[in-house]
Amino acid sequence: MLCTAFRVRVTGNVDLLKRGSHLVVAHCESALDGALLGLFLPGNPLVVATPEMQARLIPRLLMRWVRCIAIDPAHPIMLKDVVHHVRDGGVAVIFPQGRVTTSGSLMKTYDAAGMIAGHCGYEVVPVRMSGTLVSRYARTSGLWPKRYFPRIKITVQAPVRILLPAKTSGRTNRRERVFALQRVLQEMLGAGFGERCLFGAFVDAVSLYGRHTRIIEDARRQPESYGQMLKIALALGRLVSRETVTGETVGVLMPTISTTLSLLLGLAAHGRVAAMLNYSAGAAVMHDTCVAAGVRTVITSRSFLAALRLSDIAGKLKGTRILYVEELREALTLSDKLWLIGYALWFPRSAVPAVDPQQAAVVLFTSGSEGIPKGVVLSHAALLANMTQLQAVIDFGPDDKYFSALPLYHTFGLVACALMPLMTGTRLFLYLSPLRYRTIPELVYSSGATYLFGTSTFLAHYAQQAHPGDFASLRKVICGGEKLNREVAELWFEKFGLRLLEGYGATECGPAMALNTPLAYKRGTVGCLLPAIKYRIAPVAGIAAGGALHVRGPNLMSGYLHYEHPGVLAAPRSALGEGWHDTGDIVEIDKEGFVTVVGRTRRFVKIAGEMISLDVIERVAYLASPQHRHAAVLDHVPGQGESSVLFTTDATLDRAAMLRAARNSGTADLTSARRIVVLSELPLLGNGKTDYVALGERARKAAPAEILRA
């Protein structure tokens, strides 16, 4: 009866549990989880029940049919009974977090769970249960309708052996056990992305969280529901499909509003690839990126182009046809409306063609901070995999609200800040531009956002302009896109009491490959690598600390599109072989797995036979002048070889001050820039990164009088 009511499906390594003597670890999303696992997993398992499972009526009644034991995770008196059960050939189920999650994500792991795993031989079987988070027995409030009998899927994954250092103290050993068990749970959740297309995942979210649930709001201050977004996506996708062919790459030149996301979903539904054009880069760069991606059709808005003073863009994007959303809406016929209202809205999956998850979904472009932008092709599966990886480590859920002003042509703004909340039932507020430094803190305050995303540069400006109460509703602030300035982090902590969580990503691998979280945080690092990402560190000649980071995983791009070879996909490949990507970053990874980015392979300068990181030169400048912005670039001096040039907004900074800062911080004198150029403002790209290409050109063309201090 329960199997019929909950439509339970058990998959994976089920036969493994039939052989007994296994410790199962699971993430608890509702008070029903213990009873359902006890009833449907083979081997008549012993379930270690959480307090919530005993407090609710229906779960407590179901637990009578299950072999269970109640243990207070803070006082594990009966822990030995669980260990003996496993050692005697039985199967035991534990919830390492000791309670039902209140956010849908992972919470802290108790020592008791680590002790049980240690006494059971450090081998555990992760079991992923999905579906109960939307039941009436979950702890999340959410805006969606709760279900008495949600569809349940139980996936038994392969056993995992927990490896710990050989010689550690008792306290260190406990901490290592807990950290390792937490990592197992993250890997379990990070592997659950499945084989779906982007539109299919969105339809799943609509079905799961409800068509009437208001999910998104933008600068127009008109909240839209899942049903409204679905209707716009289907309509725009049908209209654009008439003007294009299956598999065609379509340029999207649109602002950061909900309509842009609906357009992207509509293109994905009909097998078109959305090339997100960087409108802040200028017409010439947009033309080059269109050539690289083979774009023949660009969709944009007349009002948007007028606001950006790009109304003459049609003449500058030679070889492309411009479609305006205002005219597309007028092209909607009566038959289109009947198809939409009478069929597509009710059967969205059958109303659009089937799409292979491994096919391209979007084309993003590298920032161009170090050269000509390249097209990065990301498949449906890669996008959804990275969202799942992020969801496994970030503590967010249906009670949260994202605020993002980051552009949708950047992987950080598109995947982490826009698509991911849509797929997970998390409310979202989009704003047009991250450059409105006075407006954004006020909007965060008025919208009641709990999550804010930005680059170090943008967050510095927000903190300077904001009232101390503007960010009172925020729970987390995530920083990415560029290296976090330590002074910015200290300002946020002192003024708002918030710790910035720095992440590290790349367009080729999604917005994040590593991230600091409250459960795994270390100052000065970018956190631990996300689940399912494999890595190698290759030594680099002349660099003693760290090495070049090569990665692979389900979130990796399908390949590059180069301007020199338009439309030709170059599959990812590094010195380690096909399927690997050389990030171009020099990193160090400690024994706990925390990643420290030392610098870029292209951002090293050889001075007096030593390889000096330009990032370290910038850091020394910040120590000497923390209130100003600084950027270091490579310069070639005739007859002397490589040198460094520091661009700064501090007119009083000189080499003597930098030498003092270098010595006080324990770094070599060579980390003080040889030449200093003062600018009123440093040039920025549209995503907030420093434009090193422009600065490099400026350094090469700088007149001797412009080099103020040498």
Foldseek 3Di string as FASTA:
>chain_A
DLCVLQVEAEDAPLVVQQQFLAEEEEAAFFLQVQLVCCVPRPQLAEEAHAPLCCVDDVSVVSCVVGRYDYAQLVHGPVLVVNLVQSVVGGYYYYYQQRDHDAFSADDAGGLSVLVSCVSSQQKHKYKYKDFCNQAPGGNYDFDFHRHPHTHIYIYTYDIDHQDDDDDDDPVVSSVSSRLSVLQVLLLVLLPPLDWDFLLRLLVVLCVRRHQQQFFEAEPVRDTHGSLVLQLLLQLLLVLVCVVDPAAEEEEEAEFFDSSSVSVLSSCRLARYAYEYAAVQVDLVLSLLACQLAVHAEYEYACVVCVVVVNNVSVVSNPNHHYDYVVVSVVVQDPVNVCCSVVPCSVPVNVSHDDDGQQRFRYWAWFQCLPHRIWTFTFGRQLLSSVLSLVSNFARHHSVAEEEEAFTCSALCCVRVQPSSCSSGNHHYYYYGALPPLQVVLQCCQVVLGAEYEAEQQSLQSNLVNHQLCSCQSHDAYEYEPDDHQPVSQVSCCVSNVYGYKYAYDGRQQGRGQAIAYPNFHDPQFRHAGTHFKDWDFDDDPQDDPAGWIKIAGSNGTQAIRHSVHHNDGDGAADPVGGRIHGPQWGWDADPSRTIHTPAGVQQWWQDPNHTHGQVLLQNLVCQLPVVWHKGKDWDQDPPHGIFIEMEIQDPPDAQVSSQVSCVVVPHDSSSHHPFYAHDNDFDAGRRGHGNNVVVHVCVVPPDPVRRPYD
